[in-house]
Amino acid sequence: QVHLVESGGGWVQPGGSLRLSCATSKSTLNGYGVGWFRQAPGKERERVARISDGGSTDYADSVNGRFTLSRDNAKNTVYLQMASLKAEETGVYYCNVVHKWGNFWGQGTQVTVSS
Protein backbone atom coordinates (compact mmCIF):
# COMPACT_ATOMS: atom_id res chain seq x y z
CA GLN A 1 0.00 0.00 0.00
CA VAL A 2 1.16 3.51 -0.83
CA HIS A 3 0.07 6.29 1.50
CA LEU A 4 -0.27 9.86 0.32
CA VAL A 5 -1.37 12.61 2.69
CA GLU A 6 -2.22 16.05 1.36
CA SER A 7 -2.42 19.18 3.47
CA GLY A 8 -2.27 22.93 3.13
CA GLY A 9 -5.60 23.68 1.53
CA GLY A 10 -7.84 26.47 2.68
CA TRP A 11 -9.52 29.67 1.66
CA VAL A 12 -7.71 32.38 -0.26
CA GLN A 13 -8.78 35.46 -2.15
CA PRO A 14 -8.28 35.68 -5.92
CA GLY A 15 -4.68 36.55 -6.62
CA GLY A 16 -3.53 34.92 -3.42
CA SER A 17 -1.17 32.04 -2.77
CA LEU A 18 -1.23 28.68 -1.04
CA ARG A 19 1.26 25.89 -0.61
CA LEU A 20 0.02 22.32 -0.68
CA SER A 21 1.97 19.38 0.70
CA CYS A 22 1.91 15.71 -0.22
CA ALA A 23 3.64 13.48 2.31
CA THR A 24 4.59 9.92 1.43
CA SER A 25 7.28 7.35 2.11
CA LYS A 26 10.95 7.57 1.22
CA SER A 27 10.75 4.57 -1.09
CA THR A 28 7.83 6.04 -2.99
CA LEU A 29 9.42 9.45 -3.39
CA ASN A 30 12.73 7.96 -4.51
CA GLY A 31 11.21 5.55 -7.00
CA TYR A 32 8.18 7.26 -8.53
CA GLY A 33 6.90 10.53 -9.82
CA VAL A 34 4.21 12.40 -7.93
CA GLY A 35 1.38 14.16 -9.68
CA TRP A 36 -1.08 16.79 -8.53
CA PHE A 37 -4.63 16.81 -9.80
CA ARG A 38 -7.66 18.91 -8.99
CA GLN A 39 -11.37 18.43 -9.27
CA ALA A 40 -13.76 21.35 -9.35
CA PRO A 41 -17.41 20.85 -8.37
CA GLY A 42 -19.27 19.12 -11.18
CA LYS A 43 -16.16 18.71 -13.30
CA GLU A 44 -13.75 15.92 -14.10
CA ARG A 45 -10.45 15.58 -12.33
CA GLU A 46 -7.65 17.26 -14.25
CA ARG A 47 -3.88 17.03 -14.01
CA VAL A 48 -2.15 20.13 -12.70
CA ALA A 49 1.51 19.23 -12.43
CA ARG A 50 3.96 16.38 -11.94
CA ILE A 51 7.43 15.94 -10.53
CA SER A 52 9.46 12.90 -11.52
CA ASP A 53 11.55 10.79 -9.17
CA GLY A 54 14.54 12.56 -10.72
CA GLY A 55 13.10 15.97 -9.93
CA SER A 56 12.04 17.13 -13.38
CA THR A 57 8.72 18.93 -13.50
CA ASP A 58 5.94 19.62 -15.94
CA TYR A 59 2.82 21.72 -15.61
CA ALA A 60 -0.53 22.12 -17.24
CA ASP A 61 -0.62 25.14 -19.54
CA SER A 62 -3.22 26.77 -17.33
CA VAL A 63 -0.88 26.90 -14.31
CA ASN A 64 2.52 27.18 -15.95
CA GLY A 65 4.36 30.16 -14.55
CA ARG A 66 2.12 30.42 -11.48
CA PHE A 67 2.52 27.03 -9.80
CA THR A 68 5.83 25.54 -8.71
CA LEU A 69 6.64 22.00 -7.62
CA SER A 70 9.40 21.12 -5.22
CA ARG A 71 10.37 18.21 -3.02
CA ASP A 72 12.02 17.83 0.36
CA ASN A 73 13.66 14.43 0.47
CA ALA A 74 14.39 14.73 4.19
CA LYS A 75 10.66 15.09 4.87
CA ASN A 76 9.51 12.75 2.09
CA THR A 77 7.21 15.51 0.92
CA VAL A 78 6.31 17.13 -2.39
CA TYR A 79 5.08 20.72 -2.35
CA LEU A 80 2.88 22.56 -4.80
CA GLN A 81 3.30 26.31 -4.42
CA MET A 82 0.35 28.07 -6.04
CA ALA A 83 0.33 31.78 -6.81
CA SER A 84 -2.07 34.20 -8.49
CA LEU A 85 -4.93 31.85 -7.77
CA LYS A 86 -8.18 32.24 -9.66
CA ALA A 87 -11.73 31.57 -8.56
CA GLU A 88 -12.10 28.81 -11.14
CA GLU A 89 -9.24 26.94 -9.48
CA THR A 90 -11.45 26.15 -6.53
CA GLY A 91 -11.71 22.45 -5.93
CA VAL A 92 -10.22 19.45 -4.20
CA TYR A 93 -6.54 18.92 -4.90
CA TYR A 94 -5.14 15.40 -4.87
CA CYS A 95 -1.69 13.95 -5.15
CA ASN A 96 -1.19 10.77 -7.10
CA VAL A 97 1.41 8.09 -7.64
CA VAL A 98 1.30 5.52 -10.38
CA HIS A 99 3.12 2.74 -8.55
CA LYS A 100 4.02 -0.79 -9.57
CA TRP A 101 1.36 -1.89 -7.08
CA GLY A 102 -1.32 0.30 -8.59
CA ASN A 103 -2.63 3.82 -8.96
CA PHE A 104 -2.78 5.58 -5.58
CA TRP A 105 -4.48 8.78 -4.46
CA GLY A 106 -4.48 10.82 -1.31
CA GLN A 107 -7.65 11.91 0.41
CA GLY A 108 -7.48 15.39 -1.11
CA THR A 109 -7.34 18.88 0.31
CA GLN A 110 -9.92 21.57 -0.39
CA VAL A 111 -8.82 24.84 -1.98
CA THR A 112 -11.36 27.64 -2.14
CA VAL A 113 -10.54 30.80 -4.07
CA SER A 114 -13.16 33.42 -3.38
CA SER A 115 -13.58 37.02 -2.42
C-alpha atoms as a PDB file:
ATOM      1  CA  GLN A   1       0.000   0.000   0.000  1.00  0.00           C
ATOM      2  CA  VAL A   2       1.161   3.511  -0.829  1.00  0.00           C
ATOM      3  CA  HIS A   3       0.075   6.289   1.498  1.00  0.00           C
ATOM      4  CA  LEU A   4      -0.274   9.860   0.322  1.00  0.00           C
ATOM      5  CA  VAL A   5      -1.367  12.609   2.692  1.00  0.00           C
ATOM      6  CA  GLU A   6      -2.219  16.052   1.361  1.00  0.00           C
ATOM      7  CA  SER A   7      -2.417  19.183   3.474  1.00  0.00           C
ATOM      8  CA  GLY A   8      -2.269  22.935   3.135  1.00  0.00           C
ATOM      9  CA  GLY A   9      -5.600  23.680   1.529  1.00  0.00           C
ATOM     10  CA  GLY A  10      -7.844  26.468   2.676  1.00  0.00           C
ATOM     11  CA  TRP A  11      -9.522  29.667   1.657  1.00  0.00           C
ATOM     12  CA  VAL A  12      -7.710  32.378  -0.260  1.00  0.00           C
ATOM     13  CA  GLN A  13      -8.779  35.462  -2.147  1.00  0.00           C
ATOM     14  CA  PRO A  14      -8.283  35.677  -5.924  1.00  0.00           C
ATOM     15  CA  GLY A  15      -4.683  36.553  -6.624  1.00  0.00           C
ATOM     16  CA  GLY A  16      -3.534  34.917  -3.422  1.00  0.00           C
ATOM     17  CA  SER A  17      -1.166  32.037  -2.766  1.00  0.00           C
ATOM     18  CA  LEU A  18      -1.229  28.684  -1.042  1.00  0.00           C
ATOM     19  CA  ARG A  19       1.263  25.886  -0.607  1.00  0.00           C
ATOM     20  CA  LEU A  20       0.021  22.322  -0.677  1.00  0.00           C
ATOM     21  CA  SER A  21       1.968  19.380   0.697  1.00  0.00           C
ATOM     22  CA  CYS A  22       1.911  15.705  -0.216  1.00  0.00           C
ATOM     23  CA  ALA A  23       3.638  13.477   2.311  1.00  0.00           C
ATOM     24  CA  THR A  24       4.586   9.923   1.432  1.00  0.00           C
ATOM     25  CA  SER A  25       7.279   7.350   2.114  1.00  0.00           C
ATOM     26  CA  LYS A  26      10.947   7.573   1.221  1.00  0.00           C
ATOM     27  CA  SER A  27      10.752   4.569  -1.089  1.00  0.00           C
ATOM     28  CA  THR A  28       7.825   6.043  -2.986  1.00  0.00           C
ATOM     29  CA  LEU A  29       9.418   9.455  -3.386  1.00  0.00           C
ATOM     30  CA  ASN A  30      12.729   7.962  -4.514  1.00  0.00           C
ATOM     31  CA  GLY A  31      11.206   5.549  -7.002  1.00  0.00           C
ATOM     32  CA  TYR A  32       8.182   7.261  -8.526  1.00  0.00           C
ATOM     33  CA  GLY A  33       6.905  10.532  -9.820  1.00  0.00           C
ATOM     34  CA  VAL A  34       4.208  12.405  -7.928  1.00  0.00           C
ATOM     35  CA  GLY A  35       1.384  14.156  -9.684  1.00  0.00           C
ATOM     36  CA  TRP A  36      -1.076  16.786  -8.535  1.00  0.00           C
ATOM     37  CA  PHE A  37      -4.632  16.810  -9.801  1.00  0.00           C
ATOM     38  CA  ARG A  38      -7.656  18.908  -8.986  1.00  0.00           C
ATOM     39  CA  GLN A  39     -11.374  18.433  -9.268  1.00  0.00           C
ATOM     40  CA  ALA A  40     -13.765  21.354  -9.354  1.00  0.00           C
ATOM     41  CA  PRO A  41     -17.405  20.847  -8.373  1.00  0.00           C
ATOM     42  CA  GLY A  42     -19.273  19.125 -11.181  1.00  0.00           C
ATOM     43  CA  LYS A  43     -16.158  18.708 -13.299  1.00  0.00           C
ATOM     44  CA  GLU A  44     -13.750  15.922 -14.101  1.00  0.00           C
ATOM     45  CA  ARG A  45     -10.454  15.579 -12.331  1.00  0.00           C
ATOM     46  CA  GLU A  46      -7.648  17.264 -14.249  1.00  0.00           C
ATOM     47  CA  ARG A  47      -3.885  17.032 -14.010  1.00  0.00           C
ATOM     48  CA  VAL A  48      -2.147  20.132 -12.698  1.00  0.00           C
ATOM     49  CA  ALA A  49       1.513  19.229 -12.432  1.00  0.00           C
ATOM     50  CA  ARG A  50       3.960  16.384 -11.936  1.00  0.00           C
ATOM     51  CA  ILE A  51       7.426  15.945 -10.531  1.00  0.00           C
ATOM     52  CA  SER A  52       9.456  12.896 -11.519  1.00  0.00           C
ATOM     53  CA  ASP A  53      11.547  10.788  -9.174  1.00  0.00           C
ATOM     54  CA  GLY A  54      14.536  12.557 -10.717  1.00  0.00           C
ATOM     55  CA  GLY A  55      13.104  15.972  -9.929  1.00  0.00           C
ATOM     56  CA  SER A  56      12.035  17.129 -13.377  1.00  0.00           C
ATOM     57  CA  THR A  57       8.715  18.926 -13.499  1.00  0.00           C
ATOM     58  CA  ASP A  58       5.936  19.622 -15.935  1.00  0.00           C
ATOM     59  CA  TYR A  59       2.821  21.723 -15.611  1.00  0.00           C
ATOM     60  CA  ALA A  60      -0.534  22.115 -17.241  1.00  0.00           C
ATOM     61  CA  ASP A  61      -0.619  25.137 -19.536  1.00  0.00           C
ATOM     62  CA  SER A  62      -3.222  26.770 -17.326  1.00  0.00           C
ATOM     63  CA  VAL A  63      -0.883  26.898 -14.310  1.00  0.00           C
ATOM     64  CA  ASN A  64       2.520  27.175 -15.952  1.00  0.00           C
ATOM     65  CA  GLY A  65       4.359  30.162 -14.551  1.00  0.00           C
ATOM     66  CA  ARG A  66       2.116  30.420 -11.479  1.00  0.00           C
ATOM     67  CA  PHE A  67       2.521  27.032  -9.800  1.00  0.00           C
ATOM     68  CA  THR A  68       5.827  25.542  -8.707  1.00  0.00           C
ATOM     69  CA  LEU A  69       6.638  21.998  -7.625  1.00  0.00           C
ATOM     70  CA  SER A  70       9.402  21.120  -5.218  1.00  0.00           C
ATOM     71  CA  ARG A  71      10.373  18.215  -3.021  1.00  0.00           C
ATOM     72  CA  ASP A  72      12.018  17.826   0.358  1.00  0.00           C
ATOM     73  CA  ASN A  73      13.659  14.434   0.467  1.00  0.00           C
ATOM     74  CA  ALA A  74      14.386  14.729   4.189  1.00  0.00           C
ATOM     75  CA  LYS A  75      10.656  15.088   4.872  1.00  0.00           C
ATOM     76  CA  ASN A  76       9.509  12.749   2.091  1.00  0.00           C
ATOM     77  CA  THR A  77       7.208  15.507   0.916  1.00  0.00           C
ATOM     78  CA  VAL A  78       6.311  17.133  -2.385  1.00  0.00           C
ATOM     79  CA  TYR A  79       5.084  20.724  -2.355  1.00  0.00           C
ATOM     80  CA  LEU A  80       2.879  22.561  -4.805  1.00  0.00           C
ATOM     81  CA  GLN A  81       3.295  26.312  -4.424  1.00  0.00           C
ATOM     82  CA  MET A  82       0.348  28.071  -6.036  1.00  0.00           C
ATOM     83  CA  ALA A  83       0.330  31.777  -6.808  1.00  0.00           C
ATOM     84  CA  SER A  84      -2.073  34.202  -8.490  1.00  0.00           C
ATOM     85  CA  LEU A  85      -4.933  31.851  -7.775  1.00  0.00           C
ATOM     86  CA  LYS A  86      -8.184  32.241  -9.665  1.00  0.00           C
ATOM     87  CA  ALA A  87     -11.733  31.570  -8.565  1.00  0.00           C
ATOM     88  CA  GLU A  88     -12.103  28.814 -11.144  1.00  0.00           C
ATOM     89  CA  GLU A  89      -9.243  26.938  -9.476  1.00  0.00           C
ATOM     90  CA  THR A  90     -11.452  26.154  -6.526  1.00  0.00           C
ATOM     91  CA  GLY A  91     -11.709  22.450  -5.926  1.00  0.00           C
ATOM     92  CA  VAL A  92     -10.222  19.449  -4.203  1.00  0.00           C
ATOM     93  CA  TYR A  93      -6.539  18.919  -4.899  1.00  0.00           C
ATOM     94  CA  TYR A  94      -5.143  15.401  -4.873  1.00  0.00           C
ATOM     95  CA  CYS A  95      -1.694  13.955  -5.151  1.00  0.00           C
ATOM     96  CA  ASN A  96      -1.194  10.770  -7.097  1.00  0.00           C
ATOM     97  CA  VAL A  97       1.406   8.093  -7.641  1.00  0.00           C
ATOM     98  CA  VAL A  98       1.299   5.519 -10.383  1.00  0.00           C
ATOM     99  CA  HIS A  99       3.122   2.741  -8.548  1.00  0.00           C
ATOM    100  CA  LYS A 100       4.021  -0.787  -9.571  1.00  0.00           C
ATOM    101  CA  TRP A 101       1.363  -1.894  -7.082  1.00  0.00           C
ATOM    102  CA  GLY A 102      -1.319   0.295  -8.586  1.00  0.00           C
ATOM    103  CA  ASN A 103      -2.633   3.822  -8.964  1.00  0.00           C
ATOM    104  CA  PHE A 104      -2.785   5.580  -5.582  1.00  0.00           C
ATOM    105  CA  TRP A 105      -4.484   8.778  -4.459  1.00  0.00           C
ATOM    106  CA  GLY A 106      -4.478  10.817  -1.315  1.00  0.00           C
ATOM    107  CA  GLN A 107      -7.649  11.912   0.413  1.00  0.00           C
ATOM    108  CA  GLY A 108      -7.479  15.389  -1.115  1.00  0.00           C
ATOM    109  CA  THR A 109      -7.340  18.885   0.315  1.00  0.00           C
ATOM    110  CA  GLN A 110      -9.915  21.566  -0.391  1.00  0.00           C
ATOM    111  CA  VAL A 111      -8.819  24.837  -1.984  1.00  0.00           C
ATOM    112  CA  THR A 112     -11.356  27.645  -2.141  1.00  0.00           C
ATOM    113  CA  VAL A 113     -10.542  30.804  -4.073  1.00  0.00           C
ATOM    114  CA  SER A 114     -13.165  33.418  -3.384  1.00  0.00           C
ATOM    115  CA  SER A 115     -13.579  37.018  -2.420  1.00  0.00           C
END
